[in-house]
Amino acid sequence: MTSILSRIRANGGDVTRQEWRFAFKRGRLSQEAVAWVKARWSEVCAEAWPPFWDWQERAAIREYDGGQIRADAERDAYGEVAQC
């Protein structure tokens, strides 16, 4: 099975990560392909950064149980996951 990232990269695109922030470069992907990628953005991020789901879970706990605003929850959760 071909990964999403390899399909994006085969078309001159890329997904990059700086800490917990992701950026998408479309390359030669069609509008339909870009829409497909955007609809599966969490899957793409998880492929680009395997701890993605752990980070999402920790951020959600901090936000909903801890009362943090989402941006702070994501930053603090990244600090936890990056240390693992």
N, C-alpha and C. Protein backbone atom coordinates (compact mmCIF):
# COMPACT_ATOMS: atom_id res chain seq x y z
N MET A 1 0.84 -1.19 0.00
CA MET A 1 0.00 0.00 0.00
C MET A 1 0.88 1.24 0.00
N THR A 2 0.58 2.16 -0.87
CA THR A 2 1.33 3.40 -0.98
C THR A 2 0.85 4.38 0.08
N SER A 3 1.81 5.01 0.76
CA SER A 3 1.43 5.96 1.80
C SER A 3 0.92 7.26 1.18
N ILE A 4 0.16 7.99 1.98
CA ILE A 4 -0.35 9.28 1.52
C ILE A 4 0.82 10.22 1.24
N LEU A 5 1.79 10.25 2.15
CA LEU A 5 2.93 11.16 1.96
C LEU A 5 3.71 10.83 0.70
N SER A 6 3.90 9.56 0.41
CA SER A 6 4.66 9.21 -0.80
C SER A 6 3.89 9.63 -2.05
N ARG A 7 2.57 9.55 -2.01
CA ARG A 7 1.77 10.00 -3.15
C ARG A 7 1.85 11.52 -3.31
N ILE A 8 1.82 12.24 -2.20
CA ILE A 8 1.96 13.70 -2.26
C ILE A 8 3.33 14.07 -2.82
N ARG A 9 4.38 13.42 -2.29
CA ARG A 9 5.75 13.73 -2.71
C ARG A 9 6.01 13.34 -4.16
N ALA A 10 5.37 12.28 -4.63
CA ALA A 10 5.54 11.87 -6.03
C ALA A 10 4.99 12.92 -6.99
N ASN A 11 4.14 13.79 -6.48
CA ASN A 11 3.56 14.86 -7.29
C ASN A 11 4.15 16.22 -6.94
N GLY A 12 5.34 16.22 -6.37
CA GLY A 12 6.04 17.47 -6.09
C GLY A 12 5.57 18.21 -4.86
N GLY A 13 4.69 17.61 -4.08
CA GLY A 13 4.20 18.24 -2.87
C GLY A 13 4.95 17.75 -1.64
N ASP A 14 4.57 18.26 -0.50
CA ASP A 14 5.20 17.82 0.74
C ASP A 14 4.35 18.25 1.93
N VAL A 15 4.58 17.60 3.04
CA VAL A 15 4.00 17.98 4.32
C VAL A 15 5.17 18.12 5.27
N THR A 16 5.28 19.29 5.87
CA THR A 16 6.37 19.54 6.81
C THR A 16 5.80 19.83 8.18
N ARG A 17 6.64 19.64 9.18
CA ARG A 17 6.22 19.85 10.56
C ARG A 17 7.26 20.68 11.28
N GLN A 18 6.80 21.68 12.01
CA GLN A 18 7.65 22.42 12.93
C GLN A 18 6.94 22.34 14.27
N GLU A 19 7.53 21.60 15.19
CA GLU A 19 6.89 21.25 16.44
C GLU A 19 5.55 20.58 16.13
N TRP A 20 4.44 21.14 16.59
CA TRP A 20 3.13 20.52 16.34
C TRP A 20 2.37 21.17 15.19
N ARG A 21 3.01 22.05 14.47
CA ARG A 21 2.36 22.75 13.36
C ARG A 21 2.75 22.09 12.04
N PHE A 22 1.80 21.90 11.17
CA PHE A 22 2.01 21.23 9.90
C PHE A 22 1.73 22.20 8.75
N ALA A 23 2.49 22.04 7.68
CA ALA A 23 2.28 22.85 6.48
C ALA A 23 2.19 21.91 5.28
N PHE A 24 1.38 22.27 4.33
CA PHE A 24 1.15 21.46 3.14
C PHE A 24 1.56 22.25 1.91
N LYS A 25 2.45 21.66 1.11
CA LYS A 25 2.84 22.23 -0.19
C LYS A 25 2.21 21.33 -1.24
N ARG A 26 1.38 21.89 -2.07
CA ARG A 26 0.57 21.09 -2.99
C ARG A 26 1.33 20.54 -4.19
N GLY A 27 2.41 21.16 -4.62
CA GLY A 27 3.12 20.67 -5.80
C GLY A 27 2.21 20.67 -7.01
N ARG A 28 2.18 19.54 -7.72
CA ARG A 28 1.36 19.41 -8.94
C ARG A 28 0.02 18.72 -8.68
N LEU A 29 -0.38 18.61 -7.43
CA LEU A 29 -1.64 17.94 -7.10
C LEU A 29 -2.81 18.74 -7.65
N SER A 30 -3.79 18.04 -8.19
CA SER A 30 -5.00 18.68 -8.71
C SER A 30 -5.83 19.22 -7.54
N GLN A 31 -6.80 20.05 -7.88
CA GLN A 31 -7.72 20.57 -6.86
C GLN A 31 -8.44 19.43 -6.15
N GLU A 32 -8.80 18.40 -6.91
CA GLU A 32 -9.49 17.25 -6.32
C GLU A 32 -8.58 16.52 -5.34
N ALA A 33 -7.31 16.38 -5.71
CA ALA A 33 -6.36 15.71 -4.83
C ALA A 33 -6.11 16.53 -3.57
N VAL A 34 -6.02 17.83 -3.72
CA VAL A 34 -5.84 18.72 -2.56
C VAL A 34 -7.05 18.60 -1.63
N ALA A 35 -8.24 18.58 -2.17
CA ALA A 35 -9.45 18.42 -1.36
C ALA A 35 -9.43 17.07 -0.64
N TRP A 36 -8.98 16.01 -1.32
CA TRP A 36 -8.88 14.69 -0.72
C TRP A 36 -7.91 14.71 0.46
N VAL A 37 -6.76 15.36 0.27
CA VAL A 37 -5.76 15.45 1.35
C VAL A 37 -6.34 16.23 2.53
N LYS A 38 -6.98 17.35 2.26
CA LYS A 38 -7.55 18.16 3.33
C LYS A 38 -8.62 17.40 4.11
N ALA A 39 -9.38 16.56 3.43
CA ALA A 39 -10.41 15.77 4.10
C ALA A 39 -9.81 14.70 5.00
N ARG A 40 -8.56 14.36 4.78
CA ARG A 40 -7.87 13.34 5.56
C ARG A 40 -6.66 13.93 6.29
N TRP A 41 -6.74 15.20 6.63
CA TRP A 41 -5.59 15.92 7.17
C TRP A 41 -5.02 15.26 8.43
N SER A 42 -5.85 14.79 9.32
CA SER A 42 -5.34 14.13 10.54
C SER A 42 -4.54 12.88 10.20
N GLU A 43 -5.00 12.11 9.24
CA GLU A 43 -4.26 10.92 8.81
C GLU A 43 -2.90 11.31 8.23
N VAL A 44 -2.89 12.38 7.44
CA VAL A 44 -1.64 12.86 6.84
C VAL A 44 -0.67 13.30 7.94
N CYS A 45 -1.17 14.05 8.90
CA CYS A 45 -0.32 14.51 10.00
C CYS A 45 0.23 13.34 10.81
N ALA A 46 -0.60 12.32 11.05
CA ALA A 46 -0.16 11.15 11.80
C ALA A 46 0.90 10.37 11.04
N GLU A 47 0.81 10.38 9.72
CA GLU A 47 1.84 9.70 8.93
C GLU A 47 3.15 10.49 8.96
N ALA A 48 3.04 11.81 8.95
CA ALA A 48 4.24 12.66 8.98
C ALA A 48 4.89 12.68 10.36
N TRP A 49 4.10 12.46 11.40
CA TRP A 49 4.60 12.50 12.79
C TRP A 49 3.87 11.45 13.60
N PRO A 50 4.46 10.27 13.77
CA PRO A 50 3.78 9.17 14.44
C PRO A 50 3.19 9.48 15.83
N PRO A 51 3.78 10.36 16.66
CA PRO A 51 3.13 10.66 17.96
C PRO A 51 1.90 11.56 17.85
N PHE A 52 1.43 11.86 16.64
CA PHE A 52 0.33 12.79 16.44
C PHE A 52 -0.89 12.45 17.28
N TRP A 53 -1.33 11.20 17.28
CA TRP A 53 -2.56 10.84 18.01
C TRP A 53 -2.37 10.97 19.51
N ASP A 54 -1.18 10.63 20.03
CA ASP A 54 -0.91 10.83 21.46
C ASP A 54 -0.99 12.32 21.80
N TRP A 55 -0.41 13.14 20.93
CA TRP A 55 -0.44 14.58 21.14
C TRP A 55 -1.87 15.11 21.13
N GLN A 56 -2.67 14.66 20.16
CA GLN A 56 -4.07 15.08 20.08
C GLN A 56 -4.84 14.71 21.35
N GLU A 57 -4.61 13.50 21.83
CA GLU A 57 -5.31 13.05 23.03
C GLU A 57 -4.91 13.88 24.24
N ARG A 58 -3.63 14.12 24.41
CA ARG A 58 -3.17 14.92 25.56
C ARG A 58 -3.66 16.36 25.47
N ALA A 59 -3.68 16.91 24.27
CA ALA A 59 -4.18 18.28 24.10
C ALA A 59 -5.67 18.35 24.44
N ALA A 60 -6.44 17.35 24.02
CA ALA A 60 -7.87 17.33 24.31
C ALA A 60 -8.13 17.23 25.82
N ILE A 61 -7.36 16.40 26.49
CA ILE A 61 -7.51 16.26 27.95
C ILE A 61 -7.21 17.59 28.63
N ARG A 62 -6.13 18.24 28.20
CA ARG A 62 -5.77 19.54 28.79
C ARG A 62 -6.85 20.58 28.52
N GLU A 63 -7.44 20.52 27.34
CA GLU A 63 -8.45 21.50 26.97
C GLU A 63 -9.76 21.26 27.74
N TYR A 64 -10.28 20.05 27.68
CA TYR A 64 -11.59 19.78 28.24
C TYR A 64 -11.58 19.51 29.75
N ASP A 65 -10.62 18.73 30.22
CA ASP A 65 -10.56 18.44 31.65
C ASP A 65 -9.78 19.51 32.41
N GLY A 66 -8.77 20.07 31.75
CA GLY A 66 -7.91 21.05 32.43
C GLY A 66 -8.33 22.49 32.24
N GLY A 67 -9.26 22.73 31.31
CA GLY A 67 -9.76 24.08 31.10
C GLY A 67 -8.82 25.01 30.34
N GLN A 68 -7.80 24.46 29.69
CA GLN A 68 -6.89 25.30 28.92
C GLN A 68 -7.52 25.69 27.58
N ILE A 69 -7.12 26.85 27.06
CA ILE A 69 -7.53 27.16 25.70
C ILE A 69 -6.75 26.24 24.77
N ARG A 70 -7.29 25.98 23.58
CA ARG A 70 -6.72 24.96 22.69
C ARG A 70 -5.25 25.24 22.35
N ALA A 71 -4.90 26.47 22.06
CA ALA A 71 -3.52 26.78 21.68
C ALA A 71 -2.55 26.43 22.81
N ASP A 72 -2.91 26.76 24.05
CA ASP A 72 -2.07 26.43 25.19
C ASP A 72 -2.02 24.92 25.42
N ALA A 73 -3.16 24.27 25.25
CA ALA A 73 -3.23 22.82 25.43
C ALA A 73 -2.34 22.11 24.42
N GLU A 74 -2.35 22.57 23.16
CA GLU A 74 -1.51 21.95 22.13
C GLU A 74 -0.02 22.17 22.44
N ARG A 75 0.34 23.37 22.85
CA ARG A 75 1.73 23.66 23.18
C ARG A 75 2.22 22.78 24.34
N ASP A 76 1.44 22.74 25.40
CA ASP A 76 1.84 21.96 26.58
C ASP A 76 1.85 20.46 26.30
N ALA A 77 0.89 19.99 25.53
CA ALA A 77 0.85 18.57 25.16
C ALA A 77 2.06 18.22 24.30
N TYR A 78 2.47 19.13 23.42
CA TYR A 78 3.65 18.89 22.61
C TYR A 78 4.87 18.70 23.51
N GLY A 79 4.99 19.54 24.52
CA GLY A 79 6.10 19.39 25.46
C GLY A 79 6.11 18.03 26.13
N GLU A 80 4.96 17.49 26.44
CA GLU A 80 4.87 16.16 27.04
C GLU A 80 5.26 15.08 26.04
N VAL A 81 4.71 15.14 24.86
CA VAL A 81 4.93 14.10 23.86
C VAL A 81 6.37 14.14 23.34
N ALA A 82 6.93 15.32 23.17
CA ALA A 82 8.29 15.45 22.66
C ALA A 82 9.31 14.86 23.63
N GLN A 83 9.00 14.82 24.91
CA GLN A 83 9.92 14.27 25.91
C GLN A 83 9.89 12.76 25.96
N CYS A 84 8.84 12.16 25.42
CA CYS A 84 8.68 10.69 25.47
C CYS A 84 9.65 9.99 24.56
